[in-house]
Amino acid sequence: MTKKELSQLAALNREVAMYDKQIERLQTQINAERTSDTVHGSSPAFPFVLHSISLNGISDNVTTRKLQAKLSIAIGQAMLARERCVDEYNRLMGEIAKERDSITRQVLTYRYINGLTWPQVAAHIGGGMTPDGARMIANRHFDKSL
């Protein structure tokens, strides 16, 4: 397990967020294509009482169909990215679990799985841990992995 492999998890999480924003934007654009109309009708049996009926929906035009196609693609990409993210998370957590030292496991998890900064990692571990100390523990782990 390398530093680059651990950093990929954060990149995968950002990729998922990117697709989620794209999906949200496309859904907003599709909702902007909503249309409504009112028609008049009556019951099919006596007494024939005329009343108004409101119709709401999404207009069926080329623009809407293109947006819906893009939305379907973005949803598929987001699902794939989430699957990759979960697979990578599970793999990396398994690799971290193999580390014998508890502090090293904590440092790697806080930094590369949870995405904390070095000062945050040190604060979470406590016990006089400094940001530089946490960084050096991680670097020693990667140096011995080579």
N, C-alpha and C. Protein backbone atom coordinates (compact mmCIF):
# COMPACT_ATOMS: atom_id res chain seq x y z
N MET A 1 0.84 -1.17 0.00
CA MET A 1 0.00 0.00 0.00
C MET A 1 0.90 1.24 0.00
N THR A 2 0.71 2.07 -1.01
CA THR A 2 1.53 3.27 -1.13
C THR A 2 0.73 4.51 -0.75
N LYS A 3 1.45 5.61 -0.62
CA LYS A 3 0.80 6.88 -0.32
C LYS A 3 -0.15 7.27 -1.45
N LYS A 4 0.27 6.98 -2.68
CA LYS A 4 -0.57 7.31 -3.83
C LYS A 4 -1.87 6.51 -3.80
N GLU A 5 -1.79 5.24 -3.44
CA GLU A 5 -2.99 4.42 -3.35
C GLU A 5 -3.94 4.96 -2.29
N LEU A 6 -3.39 5.36 -1.15
CA LEU A 6 -4.22 5.92 -0.09
C LEU A 6 -4.83 7.26 -0.51
N SER A 7 -4.09 8.04 -1.27
CA SER A 7 -4.60 9.33 -1.73
C SER A 7 -5.72 9.17 -2.76
N GLN A 8 -5.76 8.03 -3.42
CA GLN A 8 -6.79 7.78 -4.42
C GLN A 8 -8.19 7.78 -3.81
N LEU A 9 -8.30 7.38 -2.55
CA LEU A 9 -9.61 7.34 -1.92
C LEU A 9 -10.22 8.74 -1.86
N ALA A 10 -9.43 9.72 -1.50
CA ALA A 10 -9.92 11.10 -1.46
C ALA A 10 -10.31 11.56 -2.86
N ALA A 11 -9.52 11.17 -3.86
CA ALA A 11 -9.85 11.54 -5.24
C ALA A 11 -11.16 10.88 -5.68
N LEU A 12 -11.36 9.64 -5.30
CA LEU A 12 -12.61 8.95 -5.64
C LEU A 12 -13.81 9.62 -4.97
N ASN A 13 -13.63 10.04 -3.73
CA ASN A 13 -14.72 10.74 -3.03
C ASN A 13 -15.06 12.06 -3.73
N ARG A 14 -14.02 12.77 -4.19
CA ARG A 14 -14.26 14.02 -4.93
C ARG A 14 -14.96 13.74 -6.26
N GLU A 15 -14.62 12.62 -6.89
CA GLU A 15 -15.26 12.25 -8.15
C GLU A 15 -16.75 11.98 -7.93
N VAL A 16 -17.08 11.27 -6.86
CA VAL A 16 -18.49 11.00 -6.53
C VAL A 16 -19.22 12.33 -6.33
N ALA A 17 -18.61 13.25 -5.58
CA ALA A 17 -19.22 14.56 -5.33
C ALA A 17 -19.41 15.33 -6.63
N MET A 18 -18.47 15.20 -7.55
CA MET A 18 -18.57 15.87 -8.84
C MET A 18 -19.80 15.37 -9.61
N TYR A 19 -19.98 14.04 -9.64
CA TYR A 19 -21.14 13.47 -10.33
C TYR A 19 -22.44 13.87 -9.64
N ASP A 20 -22.44 13.92 -8.32
CA ASP A 20 -23.64 14.33 -7.59
C ASP A 20 -24.03 15.77 -7.95
N LYS A 21 -23.06 16.65 -8.05
CA LYS A 21 -23.34 18.03 -8.44
C LYS A 21 -23.86 18.09 -9.87
N GLN A 22 -23.28 17.28 -10.75
CA GLN A 22 -23.73 17.25 -12.14
C GLN A 22 -25.18 16.75 -12.21
N ILE A 23 -25.51 15.72 -11.44
CA ILE A 23 -26.88 15.19 -11.41
C ILE A 23 -27.85 16.25 -10.91
N GLU A 24 -27.46 16.93 -9.85
CA GLU A 24 -28.31 17.98 -9.29
C GLU A 24 -28.55 19.10 -10.31
N ARG A 25 -27.49 19.50 -11.02
CA ARG A 25 -27.61 20.56 -12.04
C ARG A 25 -28.54 20.12 -13.16
N LEU A 26 -28.39 18.88 -13.63
CA LEU A 26 -29.24 18.38 -14.71
C LEU A 26 -30.70 18.27 -14.26
N GLN A 27 -30.93 17.83 -13.03
CA GLN A 27 -32.31 17.74 -12.53
C GLN A 27 -32.94 19.13 -12.45
N THR A 28 -32.16 20.11 -12.06
CA THR A 28 -32.66 21.49 -12.01
C THR A 28 -33.03 21.97 -13.41
N GLN A 29 -32.18 21.66 -14.39
CA GLN A 29 -32.47 22.06 -15.76
C GLN A 29 -33.72 21.36 -16.30
N ILE A 30 -33.88 20.09 -15.96
CA ILE A 30 -35.07 19.36 -16.41
C ILE A 30 -36.32 19.93 -15.75
N ASN A 31 -36.23 20.25 -14.46
CA ASN A 31 -37.38 20.85 -13.77
C ASN A 31 -37.75 22.20 -14.36
N ALA A 32 -36.78 22.91 -14.92
CA ALA A 32 -37.06 24.19 -15.56
C ALA A 32 -37.88 23.99 -16.84
N GLU A 33 -37.85 22.79 -17.37
CA GLU A 33 -38.59 22.47 -18.60
C GLU A 33 -40.04 22.07 -18.28
N ARG A 34 -40.44 22.15 -17.02
CA ARG A 34 -41.81 21.78 -16.65
C ARG A 34 -42.80 22.72 -17.32
N THR A 35 -43.95 22.15 -17.64
CA THR A 35 -45.00 22.94 -18.27
C THR A 35 -46.33 22.55 -17.64
N SER A 36 -47.30 23.41 -17.75
CA SER A 36 -48.63 23.11 -17.24
C SER A 36 -49.68 23.69 -18.16
N ASP A 37 -50.87 23.14 -18.10
CA ASP A 37 -51.98 23.61 -18.93
C ASP A 37 -53.28 23.25 -18.21
N THR A 38 -54.32 23.86 -18.64
CA THR A 38 -55.64 23.58 -18.09
C THR A 38 -56.57 23.22 -19.24
N VAL A 39 -57.34 22.14 -19.05
CA VAL A 39 -58.34 21.74 -20.04
C VAL A 39 -59.69 21.66 -19.34
N HIS A 40 -60.73 21.63 -20.13
CA HIS A 40 -62.08 21.54 -19.58
C HIS A 40 -62.66 20.19 -19.94
N GLY A 41 -63.39 19.62 -19.01
CA GLY A 41 -64.03 18.34 -19.25
C GLY A 41 -65.24 18.19 -18.37
N SER A 42 -65.94 17.10 -18.57
CA SER A 42 -67.11 16.82 -17.74
C SER A 42 -67.14 15.35 -17.41
N SER A 43 -67.97 15.00 -16.45
CA SER A 43 -68.10 13.60 -16.09
C SER A 43 -68.77 12.86 -17.25
N PRO A 44 -68.50 11.55 -17.40
CA PRO A 44 -69.07 10.82 -18.54
C PRO A 44 -70.56 10.50 -18.36
N ALA A 45 -71.07 10.65 -17.16
CA ALA A 45 -72.48 10.33 -16.92
C ALA A 45 -73.25 11.58 -16.53
N PHE A 46 -74.55 11.48 -16.58
CA PHE A 46 -75.42 12.58 -16.22
C PHE A 46 -75.28 12.88 -14.74
N PRO A 47 -75.24 14.05 -14.21
CA PRO A 47 -75.31 15.32 -14.92
C PRO A 47 -73.95 15.70 -15.47
N PHE A 48 -73.89 16.20 -16.66
CA PHE A 48 -72.65 16.56 -17.33
C PHE A 48 -72.20 17.93 -16.82
N VAL A 49 -71.35 17.91 -15.77
CA VAL A 49 -70.90 19.15 -15.14
C VAL A 49 -69.51 19.48 -15.69
N LEU A 50 -69.41 20.64 -16.29
CA LEU A 50 -68.14 21.09 -16.86
C LEU A 50 -67.22 21.55 -15.72
N HIS A 51 -65.97 21.08 -15.74
CA HIS A 51 -64.99 21.51 -14.74
C HIS A 51 -63.61 21.58 -15.38
N SER A 52 -62.71 22.31 -14.70
CA SER A 52 -61.35 22.49 -15.21
C SER A 52 -60.44 21.40 -14.67
N ILE A 53 -59.52 20.95 -15.49
CA ILE A 53 -58.55 19.93 -15.10
C ILE A 53 -57.17 20.50 -15.38
N SER A 54 -56.31 20.53 -14.33
CA SER A 54 -54.94 21.03 -14.49
C SER A 54 -54.01 19.88 -14.86
N LEU A 55 -53.17 20.10 -15.82
CA LEU A 55 -52.19 19.12 -16.27
C LEU A 55 -50.79 19.69 -16.03
N ASN A 56 -49.93 18.90 -15.43
CA ASN A 56 -48.55 19.31 -15.19
C ASN A 56 -47.62 18.22 -15.69
N GLY A 57 -46.48 18.62 -16.20
CA GLY A 57 -45.52 17.63 -16.65
C GLY A 57 -44.29 18.30 -17.22
N ILE A 58 -43.46 17.47 -17.81
CA ILE A 58 -42.24 17.97 -18.44
C ILE A 58 -42.46 17.96 -19.94
N SER A 59 -42.16 19.08 -20.56
CA SER A 59 -42.38 19.16 -22.01
C SER A 59 -41.52 18.12 -22.72
N ASP A 60 -42.06 17.56 -23.75
CA ASP A 60 -41.36 16.53 -24.51
C ASP A 60 -40.77 17.18 -25.76
N ASN A 61 -39.59 17.78 -25.56
CA ASN A 61 -38.91 18.38 -26.70
C ASN A 61 -37.48 17.86 -26.76
N VAL A 62 -36.76 18.26 -27.76
CA VAL A 62 -35.40 17.76 -27.97
C VAL A 62 -34.50 18.13 -26.79
N THR A 63 -34.64 19.34 -26.29
CA THR A 63 -33.80 19.79 -25.18
C THR A 63 -34.02 18.91 -23.95
N THR A 64 -35.27 18.65 -23.63
CA THR A 64 -35.58 17.83 -22.45
C THR A 64 -35.05 16.41 -22.63
N ARG A 65 -35.23 15.85 -23.81
CA ARG A 65 -34.75 14.48 -24.05
C ARG A 65 -33.23 14.41 -23.93
N LYS A 66 -32.53 15.43 -24.42
CA LYS A 66 -31.07 15.45 -24.29
C LYS A 66 -30.66 15.55 -22.83
N LEU A 67 -31.35 16.40 -22.07
CA LEU A 67 -31.04 16.54 -20.65
C LEU A 67 -31.30 15.23 -19.91
N GLN A 68 -32.38 14.54 -20.23
CA GLN A 68 -32.70 13.28 -19.58
C GLN A 68 -31.66 12.21 -19.93
N ALA A 69 -31.17 12.22 -21.17
CA ALA A 69 -30.13 11.27 -21.56
C ALA A 69 -28.83 11.56 -20.79
N LYS A 70 -28.47 12.83 -20.68
CA LYS A 70 -27.28 13.20 -19.92
C LYS A 70 -27.43 12.81 -18.45
N LEU A 71 -28.64 12.99 -17.92
CA LEU A 71 -28.90 12.63 -16.53
C LEU A 71 -28.72 11.13 -16.32
N SER A 72 -29.23 10.33 -17.24
CA SER A 72 -29.08 8.87 -17.12
C SER A 72 -27.61 8.46 -17.13
N ILE A 73 -26.84 9.08 -18.00
CA ILE A 73 -25.40 8.79 -18.07
C ILE A 73 -24.71 9.19 -16.77
N ALA A 74 -25.03 10.39 -16.28
CA ALA A 74 -24.40 10.87 -15.04
C ALA A 74 -24.75 9.97 -13.85
N ILE A 75 -25.99 9.49 -13.80
CA ILE A 75 -26.39 8.59 -12.71
C ILE A 75 -25.60 7.29 -12.80
N GLY A 76 -25.42 6.76 -14.00
CA GLY A 76 -24.63 5.54 -14.19
C GLY A 76 -23.18 5.75 -13.78
N GLN A 77 -22.60 6.88 -14.17
CA GLN A 77 -21.22 7.17 -13.80
C GLN A 77 -21.07 7.33 -12.29
N ALA A 78 -22.05 7.97 -11.66
CA ALA A 78 -22.00 8.14 -10.21
C ALA A 78 -22.08 6.79 -9.51
N MET A 79 -22.91 5.90 -10.01
CA MET A 79 -23.01 4.57 -9.41
C MET A 79 -21.69 3.81 -9.53
N LEU A 80 -21.07 3.88 -10.70
CA LEU A 80 -19.77 3.22 -10.88
C LEU A 80 -18.71 3.82 -9.96
N ALA A 81 -18.69 5.14 -9.86
CA ALA A 81 -17.71 5.80 -9.00
C ALA A 81 -17.92 5.41 -7.54
N ARG A 82 -19.18 5.31 -7.12
CA ARG A 82 -19.47 4.89 -5.74
C ARG A 82 -18.99 3.46 -5.49
N GLU A 83 -19.23 2.58 -6.47
CA GLU A 83 -18.78 1.19 -6.33
C GLU A 83 -17.25 1.13 -6.22
N ARG A 84 -16.57 1.90 -7.08
CA ARG A 84 -15.10 1.94 -7.00
C ARG A 84 -14.65 2.46 -5.65
N CYS A 85 -15.32 3.48 -5.17
CA CYS A 85 -14.98 4.10 -3.88
C CYS A 85 -15.14 3.09 -2.75
N VAL A 86 -16.23 2.36 -2.74
CA VAL A 86 -16.47 1.36 -1.69
C VAL A 86 -15.44 0.24 -1.78
N ASP A 87 -15.17 -0.23 -3.00
CA ASP A 87 -14.17 -1.29 -3.18
C ASP A 87 -12.80 -0.84 -2.69
N GLU A 88 -12.41 0.37 -3.07
CA GLU A 88 -11.09 0.89 -2.67
C GLU A 88 -11.04 1.11 -1.16
N TYR A 89 -12.11 1.63 -0.59
CA TYR A 89 -12.19 1.83 0.86
C TYR A 89 -11.98 0.50 1.58
N ASN A 90 -12.71 -0.52 1.16
CA ASN A 90 -12.59 -1.83 1.81
C ASN A 90 -11.19 -2.41 1.66
N ARG A 91 -10.60 -2.25 0.48
CA ARG A 91 -9.25 -2.77 0.25
C ARG A 91 -8.24 -2.05 1.15
N LEU A 92 -8.34 -0.72 1.20
CA LEU A 92 -7.39 0.06 1.99
C LEU A 92 -7.56 -0.18 3.48
N MET A 93 -8.80 -0.31 3.93
CA MET A 93 -9.02 -0.60 5.35
C MET A 93 -8.44 -1.97 5.70
N GLY A 94 -8.52 -2.91 4.79
CA GLY A 94 -7.90 -4.22 5.02
C GLY A 94 -6.40 -4.12 5.12
N GLU A 95 -5.79 -3.30 4.26
CA GLU A 95 -4.35 -3.09 4.30
C GLU A 95 -3.92 -2.39 5.58
N ILE A 96 -4.68 -1.38 5.98
CA ILE A 96 -4.35 -0.65 7.22
C ILE A 96 -4.49 -1.59 8.42
N ALA A 97 -5.49 -2.45 8.40
CA ALA A 97 -5.71 -3.37 9.51
C ALA A 97 -4.54 -4.34 9.70
N LYS A 98 -3.76 -4.58 8.64
CA LYS A 98 -2.60 -5.48 8.73
C LYS A 98 -1.44 -4.84 9.49
N GLU A 99 -1.45 -3.52 9.60
CA GLU A 99 -0.38 -2.82 10.33
C GLU A 99 -0.43 -3.22 11.80
N ARG A 100 0.72 -3.54 12.35
CA ARG A 100 0.78 -4.03 13.73
C ARG A 100 0.63 -2.92 14.77
N ASP A 101 1.11 -1.72 14.45
CA ASP A 101 1.12 -0.63 15.42
C ASP A 101 -0.20 0.15 15.40
N SER A 102 -0.82 0.27 16.56
CA SER A 102 -2.10 0.95 16.68
C SER A 102 -2.02 2.42 16.27
N ILE A 103 -0.98 3.11 16.70
CA ILE A 103 -0.83 4.54 16.38
C ILE A 103 -0.70 4.72 14.88
N THR A 104 0.07 3.87 14.23
CA THR A 104 0.23 3.96 12.78
C THR A 104 -1.12 3.74 12.09
N ARG A 105 -1.88 2.75 12.55
CA ARG A 105 -3.21 2.51 11.97
C ARG A 105 -4.09 3.74 12.13
N GLN A 106 -4.02 4.36 13.31
CA GLN A 106 -4.83 5.55 13.54
C GLN A 106 -4.41 6.70 12.63
N VAL A 107 -3.10 6.92 12.53
CA VAL A 107 -2.58 8.00 11.69
C VAL A 107 -3.04 7.80 10.25
N LEU A 108 -2.86 6.60 9.72
CA LEU A 108 -3.23 6.32 8.33
C LEU A 108 -4.73 6.48 8.11
N THR A 109 -5.52 6.02 9.06
CA THR A 109 -6.97 6.11 8.92
C THR A 109 -7.44 7.56 8.98
N TYR A 110 -6.96 8.30 10.00
CA TYR A 110 -7.38 9.69 10.12
C TYR A 110 -6.96 10.51 8.89
N ARG A 111 -5.74 10.31 8.45
CA ARG A 111 -5.22 11.13 7.36
C ARG A 111 -5.78 10.72 6.00
N TYR A 112 -5.69 9.45 5.67
CA TYR A 112 -5.98 9.03 4.30
C TYR A 112 -7.40 8.49 4.10
N ILE A 113 -8.02 7.98 5.13
CA ILE A 113 -9.39 7.50 5.00
C ILE A 113 -10.37 8.62 5.33
N ASN A 114 -10.14 9.31 6.46
CA ASN A 114 -11.03 10.38 6.87
C ASN A 114 -10.67 11.74 6.26
N GLY A 115 -9.47 11.85 5.68
CA GLY A 115 -9.08 13.08 4.99
C GLY A 115 -8.75 14.25 5.90
N LEU A 116 -8.32 13.98 7.14
CA LEU A 116 -7.99 15.06 8.06
C LEU A 116 -6.61 15.65 7.74
N THR A 117 -6.40 16.88 8.17
CA THR A 117 -5.08 17.51 8.04
C THR A 117 -4.18 16.94 9.13
N TRP A 118 -2.86 17.17 9.00
CA TRP A 118 -1.93 16.66 10.01
C TRP A 118 -2.23 17.22 11.40
N PRO A 119 -2.52 18.52 11.55
CA PRO A 119 -2.87 19.01 12.90
C PRO A 119 -4.13 18.32 13.45
N GLN A 120 -5.11 18.06 12.59
CA GLN A 120 -6.32 17.37 13.04
C GLN A 120 -6.01 15.93 13.45
N VAL A 121 -5.15 15.27 12.66
CA VAL A 121 -4.74 13.89 13.00
C VAL A 121 -4.12 13.87 14.39
N ALA A 122 -3.18 14.79 14.62
CA ALA A 122 -2.49 14.85 15.91
C ALA A 122 -3.48 15.11 17.05
N ALA A 123 -4.42 16.01 16.83
CA ALA A 123 -5.41 16.33 17.86
C ALA A 123 -6.29 15.12 18.18
N HIS A 124 -6.68 14.37 17.15
CA HIS A 124 -7.53 13.19 17.37
C HIS A 124 -6.78 12.09 18.14
N ILE A 125 -5.50 11.93 17.84
CA ILE A 125 -4.73 10.89 18.51
C ILE A 125 -4.42 11.31 19.95
N GLY A 126 -4.09 12.59 20.12
CA GLY A 126 -3.82 13.10 21.47
C GLY A 126 -2.51 12.56 22.03
N GLY A 127 -2.37 12.59 23.35
CA GLY A 127 -1.18 12.05 24.00
C GLY A 127 0.09 12.77 23.64
N GLY A 128 0.02 14.06 23.35
CA GLY A 128 1.21 14.81 23.02
C GLY A 128 1.66 14.66 21.56
N MET A 129 0.84 14.03 20.74
CA MET A 129 1.19 13.86 19.32
C MET A 129 1.20 15.22 18.64
N THR A 130 2.22 15.46 17.84
CA THR A 130 2.32 16.69 17.08
C THR A 130 2.01 16.40 15.62
N PRO A 131 1.66 17.42 14.85
CA PRO A 131 1.42 17.20 13.42
C PRO A 131 2.64 16.60 12.72
N ASP A 132 3.83 17.11 13.05
CA ASP A 132 5.05 16.56 12.44
C ASP A 132 5.27 15.12 12.86
N GLY A 133 4.97 14.80 14.11
CA GLY A 133 5.12 13.43 14.59
C GLY A 133 4.19 12.48 13.84
N ALA A 134 2.95 12.90 13.62
CA ALA A 134 2.00 12.06 12.89
C ALA A 134 2.47 11.85 11.45
N ARG A 135 2.95 12.95 10.83
CA ARG A 135 3.45 12.85 9.45
C ARG A 135 4.64 11.92 9.37
N MET A 136 5.53 11.99 10.35
CA MET A 136 6.72 11.13 10.34
C MET A 136 6.34 9.66 10.53
N ILE A 137 5.33 9.39 11.35
CA ILE A 137 4.87 8.01 11.53
C ILE A 137 4.37 7.46 10.19
N ALA A 138 3.60 8.27 9.48
CA ALA A 138 3.09 7.83 8.17
C ALA A 138 4.24 7.62 7.20
N ASN A 139 5.19 8.56 7.16
CA ASN A 139 6.32 8.43 6.24
C ASN A 139 7.16 7.19 6.54
N ARG A 140 7.37 6.90 7.82
CA ARG A 140 8.11 5.68 8.18
C ARG A 140 7.38 4.44 7.70
N HIS A 141 6.06 4.45 7.81
CA HIS A 141 5.27 3.31 7.33
C HIS A 141 5.49 3.11 5.84
N PHE A 142 5.45 4.21 5.09
CA PHE A 142 5.60 4.09 3.64
C PHE A 142 7.04 3.71 3.27
N ASP A 143 8.01 4.22 4.02
CA ASP A 143 9.42 3.87 3.75
C ASP A 143 9.68 2.40 3.96
N LYS A 144 9.07 1.82 5.00
CA LYS A 144 9.31 0.38 5.25
C LYS A 144 8.51 -0.49 4.28
N SER A 145 7.47 0.07 3.65
CA SER A 145 6.67 -0.67 2.67
C SER A 145 7.39 -0.84 1.35
N LEU A 146 8.39 0.02 1.11
CA LEU A 146 9.08 -0.03 -0.18
C LEU A 146 9.98 -1.20 -0.29
